[in-house]
Each structure stands twice: as structure tokens, then as C-alpha cells.
C-alpha atoms as a PDB file:
ATOM      1  CA  MET A   1       5.385 -12.082 -31.604  1.00  0.00           C
ATOM      2  CA  THR A   2       6.341  -9.135 -29.381  1.00  0.00           C
ATOM      3  CA  LEU A   3       3.337  -9.702 -27.116  1.00  0.00           C
ATOM      4  CA  SER A   4       4.257 -13.328 -26.414  1.00  0.00           C
ATOM      5  CA  LYS A   5       7.848 -12.348 -25.641  1.00  0.00           C
ATOM      6  CA  ALA A   6       6.664  -9.704 -23.165  1.00  0.00           C
ATOM      7  CA  THR A   7       4.280 -12.198 -21.579  1.00  0.00           C
ATOM      8  CA  THR A   8       7.043 -14.782 -21.291  1.00  0.00           C
ATOM      9  CA  ALA A   9       9.385 -12.185 -19.793  1.00  0.00           C
ATOM     10  CA  GLY A  10       6.683 -11.156 -17.319  1.00  0.00           C
ATOM     11  CA  ARG A  11       6.113 -14.755 -16.261  1.00  0.00           C
ATOM     12  CA  SER A  12       9.856 -15.255 -15.973  1.00  0.00           C
ATOM     13  CA  LYS A  13      10.225 -12.241 -13.656  1.00  0.00           C
ATOM     14  CA  GLU A  14       7.297 -13.393 -11.566  1.00  0.00           C
ATOM     15  CA  ALA A  15       8.672 -16.936 -11.299  1.00  0.00           C
ATOM     16  CA  LYS A  16      12.069 -15.582 -10.260  1.00  0.00           C
ATOM     17  CA  ALA A  17      10.455 -13.251  -7.709  1.00  0.00           C
ATOM     18  CA  ARG A  18       8.424 -16.116  -6.241  1.00  0.00           C
ATOM     19  CA  LYS A  19      11.672 -17.955  -5.474  1.00  0.00           C
ATOM     20  CA  HIS A  20      13.244 -14.987  -3.666  1.00  0.00           C
ATOM     21  CA  LEU A  21      10.293 -13.532  -1.769  1.00  0.00           C
ATOM     22  CA  THR A  22       8.243 -14.675   1.191  1.00  0.00           C
ATOM     23  CA  VAL A  23       4.543 -15.356   0.668  1.00  0.00           C
ATOM     24  CA  ASP A  24       3.670 -11.913   2.064  1.00  0.00           C
ATOM     25  CA  GLN A  25       6.312 -10.143  -0.023  1.00  0.00           C
ATOM     26  CA  PHE A  26       5.098 -11.929  -3.141  1.00  0.00           C
ATOM     27  CA  PHE A  27       1.525 -10.826  -2.398  1.00  0.00           C
ATOM     28  CA  PHE A  28       2.662  -7.179  -2.519  1.00  0.00           C
ATOM     29  CA  TYR A  29       4.834  -7.881  -5.583  1.00  0.00           C
ATOM     30  CA  GLN A  30       1.689  -9.002  -7.412  1.00  0.00           C
ATOM     31  CA  ASN A  31      -0.825  -6.512  -6.008  1.00  0.00           C
ATOM     32  CA  ALA A  32       0.859  -3.221  -5.092  1.00  0.00           C
ATOM     33  CA  GLY A  33       2.297  -0.427  -7.150  1.00  0.00           C
ATOM     34  CA  TYR A  34       5.967   0.438  -6.959  1.00  0.00           C
ATOM     35  CA  SER A  35       8.522   3.109  -7.635  1.00  0.00           C
ATOM     36  CA  TYR A  36      12.183   2.997  -8.539  1.00  0.00           C
ATOM     37  CA  ASP A  37      15.132   5.334  -8.782  1.00  0.00           C
ATOM     38  CA  SER A  38      16.278   5.109 -12.399  1.00  0.00           C
ATOM     39  CA  LYS A  39      19.770   6.200 -11.355  1.00  0.00           C
ATOM     40  CA  THR A  40      20.310   3.320  -8.926  1.00  0.00           C
ATOM     41  CA  GLU A  41      17.919   0.469  -9.742  1.00  0.00           C
ATOM     42  CA  THR A  42      15.923  -1.191 -12.487  1.00  0.00           C
ATOM     43  CA  PRO A  43      12.128  -1.176 -12.454  1.00  0.00           C
ATOM     44  CA  GLU A  44      12.208  -4.812 -11.322  1.00  0.00           C
ATOM     45  CA  GLN A  45      14.586  -4.016  -8.441  1.00  0.00           C
ATOM     46  CA  GLY A  46      12.247  -1.208  -7.387  1.00  0.00           C
ATOM     47  CA  ARG A  47       9.272  -3.521  -7.563  1.00  0.00           C
ATOM     48  CA  LEU A  48      11.029  -6.091  -5.379  1.00  0.00           C
ATOM     49  CA  ARG A  49      12.152  -3.424  -2.892  1.00  0.00           C
ATOM     50  CA  CYS A  50       8.672  -1.963  -2.576  1.00  0.00           C
ATOM     51  CA  ALA A  51       7.106  -5.408  -2.101  1.00  0.00           C
ATOM     52  CA  LYS A  52       9.558  -6.156   0.716  1.00  0.00           C
ATOM     53  CA  GLU A  53       8.987  -2.748   2.318  1.00  0.00           C
ATOM     54  CA  LEU A  54       5.215  -3.184   2.345  1.00  0.00           C
ATOM     55  CA  ALA A  55       5.458  -6.701   3.788  1.00  0.00           C
ATOM     56  CA  ASP A  56       7.806  -5.363   6.484  1.00  0.00           C
ATOM     57  CA  ALA A  57       5.454  -2.470   7.245  1.00  0.00           C
ATOM     58  CA  GLU A  58       2.530  -4.861   7.580  1.00  0.00           C
ATOM     59  CA  THR A  59       4.468  -7.047  10.042  1.00  0.00           C
ATOM     60  CA  ILE A  60       5.894  -4.134  12.037  1.00  0.00           C
ATOM     61  CA  GLY A  61       2.498  -2.433  12.155  1.00  0.00           C
ATOM     62  CA  GLN A  62       0.956  -5.593  13.572  1.00  0.00           C
ATOM     63  CA  GLY A  63       3.783  -5.798  16.123  1.00  0.00           C
ATOM     64  CA  LEU A  64       3.162  -2.195  17.152  1.00  0.00           C
ATOM     65  CA  GLY A  65      -0.505  -3.017  17.638  1.00  0.00           C
ATOM     66  CA  TYR A  66      -1.778  -0.745  14.888  1.00  0.00           C
ATOM     67  CA  VAL A  67      -5.527  -1.080  14.468  1.00  0.00           C
ATOM     68  CA  LEU A  68      -6.897  -0.237  11.055  1.00  0.00           C
ATOM     69  CA  GLU A  69     -10.412   1.134  10.998  1.00  0.00           C
ATOM     70  CA  TRP A  70     -12.511   1.086   7.840  1.00  0.00           C
ATOM     71  CA  ASP A  71     -15.608   3.245   7.517  1.00  0.00           C
ATOM     72  CA  PHE A  72     -17.760   4.848   4.845  1.00  0.00           C
ATOM     73  CA  ASP A  73     -16.414   8.062   3.361  1.00  0.00           C
ATOM     74  CA  GLU A  74     -19.166  10.528   4.208  1.00  0.00           C
ATOM     75  CA  CYS A  75     -18.218  13.079   1.536  1.00  0.00           C
ATOM     76  CA  PRO A  76     -16.560  11.244  -1.343  1.00  0.00           C
ATOM     77  CA  ASP A  77     -15.259  13.207  -4.306  1.00  0.00           C
ATOM     78  CA  LEU A  78     -16.218  11.248  -7.389  1.00  0.00           C
ATOM     79  CA  SER A  79     -15.510  14.079  -9.813  1.00  0.00           C
ATOM     80  CA  TRP A  80     -12.805  11.991 -11.442  1.00  0.00           C
ATOM     81  CA  MET A  81     -15.438   9.505 -12.647  1.00  0.00           C
ATOM     82  CA  SER A  82     -17.337   9.833 -15.886  1.00  0.00           C
ATOM     83  CA  ASP A  83     -21.015  10.775 -15.664  1.00  0.00           C
ATOM     84  CA  GLU A  84     -21.893   7.229 -16.651  1.00  0.00           C
ATOM     85  CA  GLU A  85     -19.749   5.760 -13.852  1.00  0.00           C
ATOM     86  CA  ARG A  86     -21.282   8.097 -11.265  1.00  0.00           C
ATOM     87  CA  GLU A  87     -24.748   6.800 -12.138  1.00  0.00           C
ATOM     88  CA  HIS A  88     -23.827   3.426 -10.602  1.00  0.00           C
ATOM     89  CA  ASP A  89     -23.610   2.700  -6.884  1.00  0.00           C
ATOM     90  CA  HIS A  90     -20.110   2.671  -5.417  1.00  0.00           C
ATOM     91  CA  GLU A  91     -18.712   1.772  -2.057  1.00  0.00           C
ATOM     92  CA  VAL A  92     -16.415   4.639  -1.061  1.00  0.00           C
ATOM     93  CA  LEU A  93     -14.462   4.067   2.118  1.00  0.00           C
ATOM     94  CA  CYS A  94     -11.830   5.569   4.331  1.00  0.00           C
ATOM     95  CA  CYS A  95      -9.203   3.743   6.337  1.00  0.00           C
ATOM     96  CA  ARG A  96      -7.206   5.070   9.255  1.00  0.00           C
ATOM     97  CA  ILE A  97      -4.881   4.082  12.045  1.00  0.00           C
ATOM     98  CA  PRO A  98      -6.206   5.854  15.144  1.00  0.00           C
ATOM     99  CA  ASP A  99      -3.643   7.371  17.488  1.00  0.00           C
ATOM    100  CA  PRO A 100      -3.824   5.186  20.621  1.00  0.00           C
ATOM    101  CA  GLU A 101      -3.134   8.259  22.794  1.00  0.00           C
ATOM    102  CA  ASN A 102      -5.973  10.256  21.236  1.00  0.00           C
ATOM    103  CA  THR A 103      -8.325   8.238  19.037  1.00  0.00           C
ATOM    104  CA  ARG A 104      -9.817  11.405  17.553  1.00  0.00           C
ATOM    105  CA  HIS A 105      -6.514  11.816  15.698  1.00  0.00           C
ATOM    106  CA  SER A 106      -4.987   9.459  13.142  1.00  0.00           C
ATOM    107  CA  LEU A 107      -1.442   8.221  12.706  1.00  0.00           C
ATOM    108  CA  ALA A 108      -2.248   7.755   9.004  1.00  0.00           C
ATOM    109  CA  SER A 109      -5.410   7.847   6.915  1.00  0.00           C
ATOM    110  CA  LEU A 110      -6.734   7.685   3.384  1.00  0.00           C
ATOM    111  CA  TYR A 111     -10.165   8.668   2.099  1.00  0.00           C
ATOM    112  CA  GLY A 112     -11.924   8.202  -1.219  1.00  0.00           C
ATOM    113  CA  ILE A 113     -11.078   4.511  -1.546  1.00  0.00           C
ATOM    114  CA  THR A 114     -13.552   3.430  -4.197  1.00  0.00           C
ATOM    115  CA  ASP A 115     -14.882  -0.120  -4.521  1.00  0.00           C
ATOM    116  CA  PRO A 116     -11.893  -1.787  -2.849  1.00  0.00           C
ATOM    117  CA  GLY A 117     -11.502  -5.542  -2.986  1.00  0.00           C
ATOM    118  CA  SER A 118      -9.770  -7.523  -0.244  1.00  0.00           C
ATOM    119  CA  ARG A 119      -6.369  -7.389  -1.974  1.00  0.00           C
ATOM    120  CA  TYR A 120      -6.525  -3.632  -2.426  1.00  0.00           C
ATOM    121  CA  ARG A 121      -7.605  -3.226   1.202  1.00  0.00           C
ATOM    122  CA  ARG A 122      -4.533  -5.146   2.324  1.00  0.00           C
ATOM    123  CA  VAL A 123      -2.271  -2.963   0.178  1.00  0.00           C
ATOM    124  CA  ILE A 124      -3.871   0.204   1.608  1.00  0.00           C
ATOM    125  CA  GLU A 125      -3.418  -1.090   5.158  1.00  0.00           C
ATOM    126  CA  ALA A 126       0.267  -1.824   4.555  1.00  0.00           C
ATOM    127  CA  GLU A 127       0.807   1.593   2.941  1.00  0.00           C
ATOM    128  CA  LEU A 128      -0.824   3.327   5.924  1.00  0.00           C
ATOM    129  CA  ALA A 129       1.301   1.270   8.310  1.00  0.00           C
ATOM    130  CA  ALA A 130       4.415   2.276   6.337  1.00  0.00           C
ATOM    131  CA  GLU A 131       3.411   5.946   6.597  1.00  0.00           C
ATOM    132  CA  ALA A 132       2.791   5.724  10.353  1.00  0.00           C
ATOM    133  CA  ILE A 133       6.079   3.860  10.905  1.00  0.00           C
ATOM    134  CA  ALA A 134       8.011   6.465   8.872  1.00  0.00           C
ATOM    135  CA  ASP A 135       6.462   9.233  10.995  1.00  0.00           C
ATOM    136  CA  LEU A 136       7.387   7.359  14.166  1.00  0.00           C
ATOM    137  CA  ASP A 137      10.963   6.904  12.930  1.00  0.00           C
ATOM    138  CA  ARG A 138      11.240  10.657  12.211  1.00  0.00           C
ATOM    139  CA  GLU A 139       9.903  11.452  15.669  1.00  0.00           C
ATOM    140  CA  ILE A 140      12.438   9.127  17.307  1.00  0.00           C
ATOM    141  CA  GLU A 141      15.279  10.648  15.238  1.00  0.00           C
ATOM    142  CA  THR A 142      14.193  14.134  16.322  1.00  0.00           C
ATOM    143  CA  LEU A 143      14.123  13.104  19.978  1.00  0.00           C
ATOM    144  CA  ASP A 144      17.518  11.404  19.662  1.00  0.00           C
ATOM    145  CA  ALA A 145      18.983  14.573  18.120  1.00  0.00           C
ATOM    146  CA  HIS A 146      18.114  16.611  21.226  1.00  0.00           C
END
């Protein structure tokens, strides 16, 4: 009985979100993690906010011309896996946004991405774009302060 109520509530939240979010925002609502400030918002409000922020970061990153490069992680740390899991082959990747002024440096990067599917890749790309945009915003604020 409790399980079906939770499932119904989950479907209800998702149906409501679908009505209020763009296609891209809804993608992140369904596929990305989220955080929330328990003092100012509910978990659902945090989930909606994070989905919108990631969709915005994806769009802004594209507008800024961010290029996301995927490559094999040369030295992956798989110590978190069980011995049994490590016996199997895994695709372990890294993703980065190269700095257009010096491509040897990255605006944002993440390594150790294990067996990512296309949805997870998109979430990673949006998260890296959000990180690079936040750094750019801080840099602009610093310059404006002087």
C-alpha cells in the first residue's frame, strides 16, 4: 500500500514538472542529481531549481562556444569497485572544457567517469559548463570590483 502511494506521488510530481519545464529542463529533472536548502525550499523545489540551472548552463555554455572533449582516463582509480567488478572491462573517461586561450589548461574537468551512457554524458557536460560559467562570473565580479 505504501509503495503504490509513493509511486503515485512520484508520477504526480513528474507529471506536474513536465507541465512547467522545457524539454531540456525536464531532461535534467529526470536524469541529474539535485540539492536543496532545507531552510528555504522543499526537495522538489530544489530538484526543479537544479534542473533549470543545468539546462541554462548547457545553453549558455553552447552560446559561449564551450567545446567539451571526451577522452580515455589514462590512470583511473577503480578502488571503489569490488574485486568482482574490477574483473570486468570498464570504459573510464574524462571530460574537459579546454581553455580557448591555452588549450593545455581546462576551464573545468572531471576524470574517473565510469561506463557513462549518453544521458549521463549530457549531465556531466552541463555540470562542467555550470562550473566554468560560475568561474567566469567570479572573474568578472573581481574585475568589476577593481
